[in-house]
N, C-alpha and C. Protein backbone atom coordinates (compact mmCIF):
# COMPACT_ATOMS: atom_id res chain seq x y z
N UNK A 1 13.33 95.84 77.02
CA UNK A 1 14.02 94.80 77.74
C UNK A 1 15.49 94.75 77.30
N UNK A 2 16.41 95.11 78.15
CA UNK A 2 17.84 95.05 77.90
C UNK A 2 18.28 95.82 76.66
N UNK A 3 17.49 96.72 76.18
CA UNK A 3 17.85 97.50 75.00
C UNK A 3 17.77 96.71 73.71
N UNK A 4 17.05 95.59 73.71
CA UNK A 4 16.92 94.75 72.52
C UNK A 4 15.51 94.86 71.96
N UNK A 5 15.41 94.63 70.69
CA UNK A 5 14.09 94.58 70.06
C UNK A 5 13.39 93.29 70.48
N UNK A 6 12.09 93.36 70.62
CA UNK A 6 11.30 92.19 71.01
C UNK A 6 11.50 91.05 70.00
N UNK A 7 11.55 91.38 68.71
CA UNK A 7 11.71 90.36 67.67
C UNK A 7 13.04 89.62 67.83
N UNK A 8 14.09 90.33 68.24
CA UNK A 8 15.39 89.70 68.45
C UNK A 8 15.30 88.63 69.54
N UNK A 9 14.67 88.97 70.64
CA UNK A 9 14.51 88.02 71.75
C UNK A 9 13.67 86.83 71.31
N UNK A 10 12.59 87.07 70.57
CA UNK A 10 11.76 85.97 70.08
C UNK A 10 12.56 85.06 69.14
N UNK A 11 13.38 85.66 68.30
CA UNK A 11 14.20 84.86 67.37
C UNK A 11 15.20 83.99 68.14
N UNK A 12 15.84 84.59 69.14
CA UNK A 12 16.78 83.82 69.96
C UNK A 12 16.08 82.65 70.65
N UNK A 13 14.91 82.93 71.19
CA UNK A 13 14.16 81.89 71.89
C UNK A 13 13.78 80.76 70.94
N UNK A 14 13.34 81.10 69.74
CA UNK A 14 12.97 80.09 68.74
C UNK A 14 14.19 79.25 68.36
N UNK A 15 15.34 79.89 68.19
CA UNK A 15 16.57 79.16 67.86
C UNK A 15 16.98 78.26 69.01
N UNK A 16 16.82 78.72 70.24
CA UNK A 16 17.13 77.92 71.43
C UNK A 16 16.23 76.68 71.48
N UNK A 17 14.95 76.87 71.23
CA UNK A 17 14.01 75.74 71.28
C UNK A 17 14.27 74.73 70.18
N UNK A 18 14.66 75.20 69.00
CA UNK A 18 14.85 74.28 67.88
C UNK A 18 16.21 73.58 67.89
N UNK A 19 17.27 74.26 68.34
CA UNK A 19 18.61 73.67 68.24
C UNK A 19 19.41 73.74 69.53
N UNK A 20 18.83 74.21 70.60
CA UNK A 20 19.56 74.29 71.86
C UNK A 20 20.62 75.37 71.81
N UNK A 21 21.67 75.17 72.59
CA UNK A 21 22.74 76.17 72.69
C UNK A 21 23.43 76.40 71.34
N UNK A 22 23.59 75.34 70.56
CA UNK A 22 24.22 75.46 69.24
C UNK A 22 23.43 76.39 68.32
N UNK A 23 22.13 76.48 68.52
CA UNK A 23 21.30 77.35 67.70
C UNK A 23 21.55 78.82 67.94
N UNK A 24 22.15 79.15 69.08
CA UNK A 24 22.42 80.55 69.39
C UNK A 24 23.75 81.04 68.83
N UNK A 25 24.59 80.11 68.40
CA UNK A 25 25.89 80.49 67.82
C UNK A 25 25.67 81.17 66.47
N UNK A 26 26.54 82.11 66.15
CA UNK A 26 26.45 82.78 64.85
C UNK A 26 26.82 81.80 63.75
N UNK A 27 26.03 81.78 62.72
CA UNK A 27 26.29 80.91 61.58
C UNK A 27 27.33 81.56 60.67
N UNK A 28 28.06 80.72 59.95
CA UNK A 28 29.05 81.24 59.01
C UNK A 28 28.34 82.08 57.96
N UNK A 29 28.92 83.20 57.62
CA UNK A 29 28.34 84.06 56.61
C UNK A 29 27.51 85.19 57.17
N UNK A 30 27.32 85.20 58.48
CA UNK A 30 26.59 86.32 59.07
C UNK A 30 27.54 87.49 59.23
N UNK A 31 27.03 88.66 59.09
CA UNK A 31 27.86 89.85 59.21
C UNK A 31 28.18 90.44 57.86
N UNK A 32 28.87 91.55 57.90
CA UNK A 32 29.22 92.28 56.69
C UNK A 32 30.35 91.55 55.95
N UNK A 33 30.27 91.43 54.63
CA UNK A 33 31.37 90.83 53.87
C UNK A 33 32.63 91.67 53.99
N UNK A 34 33.77 91.01 54.01
CA UNK A 34 35.05 91.70 54.14
C UNK A 34 35.35 92.52 52.89
N UNK A 35 35.94 93.70 53.10
CA UNK A 35 36.36 94.54 51.98
C UNK A 35 37.66 94.00 51.39
N UNK A 36 38.60 93.67 52.27
CA UNK A 36 39.87 93.08 51.85
C UNK A 36 39.82 91.59 52.18
N UNK A 37 40.17 90.76 51.20
CA UNK A 37 40.07 89.32 51.38
C UNK A 37 41.45 88.67 51.27
N UNK A 38 41.50 87.38 51.50
CA UNK A 38 42.77 86.65 51.40
C UNK A 38 43.34 86.74 49.99
N UNK A 39 42.50 86.90 49.00
CA UNK A 39 42.96 87.03 47.61
C UNK A 39 43.75 88.33 47.40
N UNK A 40 43.55 89.30 48.27
CA UNK A 40 44.24 90.59 48.16
C UNK A 40 45.58 90.61 48.88
N UNK A 41 45.94 89.54 49.56
CA UNK A 41 47.13 89.53 50.41
C UNK A 41 48.40 89.88 49.64
N UNK A 42 48.58 89.34 48.45
CA UNK A 42 49.80 89.59 47.68
C UNK A 42 49.92 91.07 47.31
N UNK A 43 48.82 91.68 46.88
CA UNK A 43 48.87 93.11 46.53
C UNK A 43 49.11 93.97 47.77
N UNK A 44 48.50 93.60 48.88
CA UNK A 44 48.71 94.35 50.11
C UNK A 44 50.16 94.22 50.54
N UNK A 45 50.71 93.02 50.45
CA UNK A 45 52.10 92.81 50.84
C UNK A 45 53.04 93.65 49.98
N UNK A 46 52.81 93.70 48.68
CA UNK A 46 53.66 94.50 47.79
C UNK A 46 53.56 95.98 48.14
N UNK A 47 52.36 96.46 48.42
CA UNK A 47 52.18 97.87 48.77
C UNK A 47 52.85 98.22 50.09
N UNK A 48 52.77 97.32 51.05
CA UNK A 48 53.42 97.56 52.34
C UNK A 48 54.93 97.53 52.18
N UNK A 49 55.45 96.61 51.38
CA UNK A 49 56.89 96.55 51.13
C UNK A 49 57.39 97.85 50.51
N UNK A 50 56.59 98.43 49.62
CA UNK A 50 56.99 99.66 48.94
C UNK A 50 57.00 100.87 49.86
N UNK A 51 56.12 100.88 50.86
CA UNK A 51 56.02 102.06 51.72
C UNK A 51 55.55 101.65 53.11
N UNK A 52 56.46 101.15 53.91
CA UNK A 52 56.11 100.60 55.22
C UNK A 52 55.71 101.63 56.25
N UNK A 53 56.20 102.82 56.13
CA UNK A 53 56.03 103.80 57.20
C UNK A 53 54.76 104.63 57.09
N UNK A 54 54.12 104.66 55.95
CA UNK A 54 52.97 105.54 55.74
C UNK A 54 51.72 104.74 55.39
N UNK A 55 50.93 104.45 56.40
CA UNK A 55 49.70 103.70 56.18
C UNK A 55 48.74 104.45 55.26
N UNK A 56 48.73 105.77 55.36
CA UNK A 56 47.86 106.59 54.49
C UNK A 56 48.24 106.39 53.02
N UNK A 57 49.54 106.39 52.73
CA UNK A 57 50.00 106.22 51.34
C UNK A 57 49.69 104.82 50.82
N UNK A 58 49.90 103.82 51.66
CA UNK A 58 49.60 102.44 51.27
C UNK A 58 48.11 102.30 50.98
N UNK A 59 47.29 102.89 51.85
CA UNK A 59 45.84 102.84 51.66
C UNK A 59 45.44 103.49 50.34
N UNK A 60 46.00 104.66 50.06
CA UNK A 60 45.66 105.37 48.82
C UNK A 60 46.05 104.56 47.58
N UNK A 61 47.24 103.95 47.59
CA UNK A 61 47.66 103.18 46.42
C UNK A 61 46.81 101.92 46.25
N UNK A 62 46.45 101.28 47.36
CA UNK A 62 45.61 100.08 47.26
C UNK A 62 44.19 100.40 46.83
N UNK A 63 43.69 101.55 47.23
CA UNK A 63 42.35 101.96 46.78
C UNK A 63 42.31 102.03 45.26
N UNK A 64 43.37 102.58 44.66
CA UNK A 64 43.42 102.68 43.20
C UNK A 64 43.60 101.31 42.56
N UNK A 65 44.54 100.52 43.10
CA UNK A 65 44.81 99.20 42.53
C UNK A 65 43.59 98.28 42.59
N UNK A 66 42.94 98.25 43.75
CA UNK A 66 41.84 97.32 43.97
C UNK A 66 40.49 97.89 43.58
N UNK A 67 40.43 99.20 43.34
CA UNK A 67 39.19 99.90 42.99
C UNK A 67 38.10 99.66 44.04
N UNK A 68 38.50 99.82 45.30
CA UNK A 68 37.58 99.69 46.44
C UNK A 68 37.87 100.80 47.42
N UNK A 69 36.85 101.23 48.12
CA UNK A 69 37.02 102.27 49.14
C UNK A 69 37.12 101.62 50.52
N UNK A 70 38.16 101.98 51.27
CA UNK A 70 38.31 101.51 52.64
C UNK A 70 39.22 102.48 53.37
N UNK A 71 39.15 102.44 54.67
CA UNK A 71 39.91 103.38 55.49
C UNK A 71 41.25 102.77 55.89
N UNK A 72 42.17 103.62 56.35
CA UNK A 72 43.43 103.09 56.89
C UNK A 72 43.19 102.13 58.06
N UNK A 73 42.15 102.37 58.83
CA UNK A 73 41.84 101.47 59.94
C UNK A 73 41.44 100.08 59.44
N UNK A 74 40.72 100.03 58.32
CA UNK A 74 40.36 98.74 57.72
C UNK A 74 41.62 98.00 57.29
N UNK A 75 42.55 98.71 56.66
CA UNK A 75 43.81 98.11 56.24
C UNK A 75 44.60 97.62 57.46
N UNK A 76 44.62 98.41 58.50
CA UNK A 76 45.34 98.03 59.72
C UNK A 76 44.75 96.74 60.31
N UNK A 77 43.43 96.65 60.37
CA UNK A 77 42.78 95.43 60.88
C UNK A 77 43.10 94.22 60.00
N UNK A 78 43.09 94.43 58.68
CA UNK A 78 43.40 93.35 57.75
C UNK A 78 44.83 92.87 57.97
N UNK A 79 45.77 93.81 58.10
CA UNK A 79 47.17 93.43 58.32
C UNK A 79 47.33 92.65 59.62
N UNK A 80 46.66 93.09 60.67
CA UNK A 80 46.74 92.37 61.94
C UNK A 80 46.19 90.96 61.80
N UNK A 81 45.09 90.80 61.07
CA UNK A 81 44.48 89.48 60.94
C UNK A 81 45.35 88.53 60.13
N UNK A 82 45.94 89.00 59.04
CA UNK A 82 46.75 88.09 58.23
C UNK A 82 48.09 87.78 58.89
N UNK A 83 48.64 88.72 59.63
CA UNK A 83 49.88 88.45 60.36
C UNK A 83 49.59 87.43 61.46
N UNK A 84 48.47 87.57 62.15
CA UNK A 84 48.09 86.63 63.22
C UNK A 84 47.88 85.23 62.66
N UNK A 85 47.37 85.13 61.43
CA UNK A 85 47.14 83.82 60.81
C UNK A 85 48.41 83.24 60.20
N UNK A 86 49.46 84.03 60.11
CA UNK A 86 50.70 83.57 59.51
C UNK A 86 50.69 83.62 57.99
N UNK A 87 49.71 84.31 57.40
CA UNK A 87 49.58 84.38 55.94
C UNK A 87 50.42 85.49 55.32
N UNK A 88 51.07 86.27 56.13
CA UNK A 88 51.68 87.50 55.63
C UNK A 88 53.03 87.70 56.30
N UNK A 89 54.06 87.85 55.52
CA UNK A 89 55.38 88.16 56.04
C UNK A 89 55.82 89.48 55.44
N UNK A 90 55.61 90.58 56.15
CA UNK A 90 55.91 91.88 55.58
C UNK A 90 57.39 92.15 55.37
N UNK A 91 58.26 91.26 55.80
CA UNK A 91 59.68 91.44 55.56
C UNK A 91 60.39 92.24 56.63
N UNK A 92 59.81 92.30 57.82
CA UNK A 92 60.46 93.08 58.87
C UNK A 92 61.82 92.49 59.19
N UNK A 93 61.97 91.17 59.07
CA UNK A 93 63.25 90.54 59.39
C UNK A 93 64.30 90.80 58.32
N UNK A 94 63.90 91.31 57.18
CA UNK A 94 64.87 91.57 56.12
C UNK A 94 65.59 92.90 56.31
N UNK A 95 65.12 93.69 57.26
CA UNK A 95 65.78 94.96 57.56
C UNK A 95 66.93 94.67 58.50
N UNK A 96 68.17 94.96 58.10
CA UNK A 96 69.29 94.65 58.98
C UNK A 96 69.26 95.51 60.24
N UNK A 97 69.46 94.87 61.35
CA UNK A 97 69.50 95.58 62.62
C UNK A 97 70.92 96.10 62.82
N UNK A 98 71.09 97.38 63.18
CA UNK A 98 72.44 97.95 63.29
C UNK A 98 73.32 97.20 64.29
N UNK A 99 72.76 96.72 65.37
CA UNK A 99 73.57 96.05 66.38
C UNK A 99 74.00 94.67 65.90
N UNK A 100 73.14 93.98 65.16
CA UNK A 100 73.48 92.63 64.72
C UNK A 100 74.57 92.63 63.66
N UNK A 101 74.82 93.77 63.03
CA UNK A 101 75.85 93.85 61.99
C UNK A 101 77.22 94.24 62.53
N UNK A 102 77.30 94.55 63.80
CA UNK A 102 78.58 94.93 64.38
C UNK A 102 79.47 93.70 64.51
N UNK A 103 80.73 93.87 64.14
CA UNK A 103 81.68 92.77 64.28
C UNK A 103 82.25 92.81 65.69
N UNK A 104 82.45 91.64 66.23
CA UNK A 104 83.03 91.61 67.57
C UNK A 104 84.50 92.01 67.49
N UNK A 105 84.97 92.68 68.49
CA UNK A 105 86.35 93.19 68.48
C UNK A 105 87.28 92.26 69.25
N UNK A 106 87.01 90.95 69.18
CA UNK A 106 87.85 89.97 69.88
C UNK A 106 89.15 89.76 69.21
């Protein structure tokens, strides 16, 4: 049935009967624990500041620092999530833009 295990459907039905629609929502803590957490933000920010252009190099240095294995894609997802939350300012605005530094010739 729909490519689902019978037990999954029975579990959903039991949750629906006991708690209604709210019972079908995912509970906090379900899913795989995050490899990179909010506690790692400062170290990630320092590594990105040191080498902004090479995600592979940043990943390699953080693997050693944090003693955890993760892929560049995991780091990329983490960076997107913390930037979206406003928890991370990689310093892109600190790079002077060549046009903004031009003096007007008035």
